[in-house]
């Protein structure tokens, strides 16, 4: 049987963040408790990050022409 659960330390290591960061995010990600241990389903973690992904277009944005800046004298 395949293990689809990650501990706080395992998830922290995969995401390269501290376990403290994972504990703060656990309610947002979704977790289960197994024998008093907090565990995360891999699919819940993937869904969490999919829902927060920001994709930028690979197309070059048009350049906006702006008037030259005038020097200020103080």
Protein backbone atom coordinates (compact mmCIF):
# COMPACT_ATOMS: atom_id res chain seq x y z
CA UNK A 1 0.00 0.00 0.00
CA UNK A 2 1.35 3.39 -1.00
CA UNK A 3 1.81 6.03 1.72
CA UNK A 4 -0.06 9.18 0.68
CA UNK A 5 0.62 11.01 3.94
CA UNK A 6 3.42 13.38 4.88
CA UNK A 7 4.48 14.43 8.36
CA UNK A 8 5.18 18.07 9.23
CA UNK A 9 8.93 17.45 8.91
CA UNK A 10 8.63 15.60 5.60
CA UNK A 11 6.49 18.34 4.07
CA UNK A 12 8.78 21.05 5.42
CA UNK A 13 11.80 19.31 3.90
CA UNK A 14 10.12 18.97 0.50
CA UNK A 15 9.04 22.62 0.45
CA UNK A 16 12.34 23.81 1.95
CA UNK A 17 10.67 25.71 4.76
CA UNK A 18 10.74 25.27 8.51
CA UNK A 19 8.39 22.90 10.33
CA UNK A 20 7.10 25.98 12.18
CA UNK A 21 5.94 27.45 8.86
CA UNK A 22 4.10 24.22 8.04
CA UNK A 23 2.40 24.20 11.44
CA UNK A 24 1.19 27.77 10.86
CA UNK A 25 -0.21 26.81 7.44
CA UNK A 26 -1.76 23.47 8.44
CA UNK A 27 -5.34 24.75 8.72
CA UNK A 28 -5.11 26.35 5.26
CA UNK A 29 -3.65 23.23 3.66
CA UNK A 30 -5.89 20.74 5.43
CA UNK A 31 -4.57 18.00 7.69
CA UNK A 32 -5.50 14.92 9.63
CA UNK A 33 -4.35 13.68 12.99
CA UNK A 34 -3.09 10.12 13.17
CA UNK A 35 -2.26 8.93 16.65
CA UNK A 36 -1.71 12.51 17.82
CA UNK A 37 0.58 13.27 14.86
CA UNK A 38 -0.34 15.90 12.27
CA UNK A 39 -0.20 14.49 8.74
CA UNK A 40 -0.96 15.91 5.31
CA UNK A 41 -2.48 14.12 2.34
CA UNK A 42 -0.32 14.69 -0.74
CA UNK A 43 -3.38 15.55 -2.84
CA UNK A 44 -4.47 18.20 -0.30
CA UNK A 45 -1.03 19.80 -0.48
CA UNK A 46 -1.10 19.80 -4.30
CA UNK A 47 -4.59 21.30 -4.35
CA UNK A 48 -3.54 23.99 -1.87
CA UNK A 49 -0.71 25.13 -4.11
CA UNK A 50 -2.73 24.81 -7.32
CA UNK A 51 -5.37 27.13 -5.87
CA UNK A 52 -2.73 29.74 -5.04
CA UNK A 53 -0.64 29.57 -8.21
CA UNK A 54 -0.09 32.79 -10.08
CA UNK A 55 0.71 32.38 -13.74
CA UNK A 56 2.14 35.19 -15.80
CA UNK A 57 1.92 35.39 -19.52
CA UNK A 58 5.11 34.52 -21.35
CA UNK A 59 4.30 37.14 -23.97
CA UNK A 60 6.23 40.35 -23.76
CA UNK A 61 4.14 43.19 -22.45
CA UNK A 62 3.99 46.34 -24.55
CA UNK A 63 6.36 49.10 -23.52
CA UNK A 64 4.71 52.22 -22.20
CA UNK A 65 6.30 55.42 -23.46
CA UNK A 66 6.65 57.97 -20.71
CA UNK A 67 7.81 61.57 -20.95
CA UNK A 68 11.37 62.15 -19.75
CA UNK A 69 11.80 63.10 -16.11
CA UNK A 70 12.71 66.69 -15.38
CA UNK A 71 15.48 67.31 -12.90
CA UNK A 72 14.38 68.97 -9.72
CA UNK A 73 16.34 71.83 -8.22
CA UNK A 74 16.21 72.14 -4.46
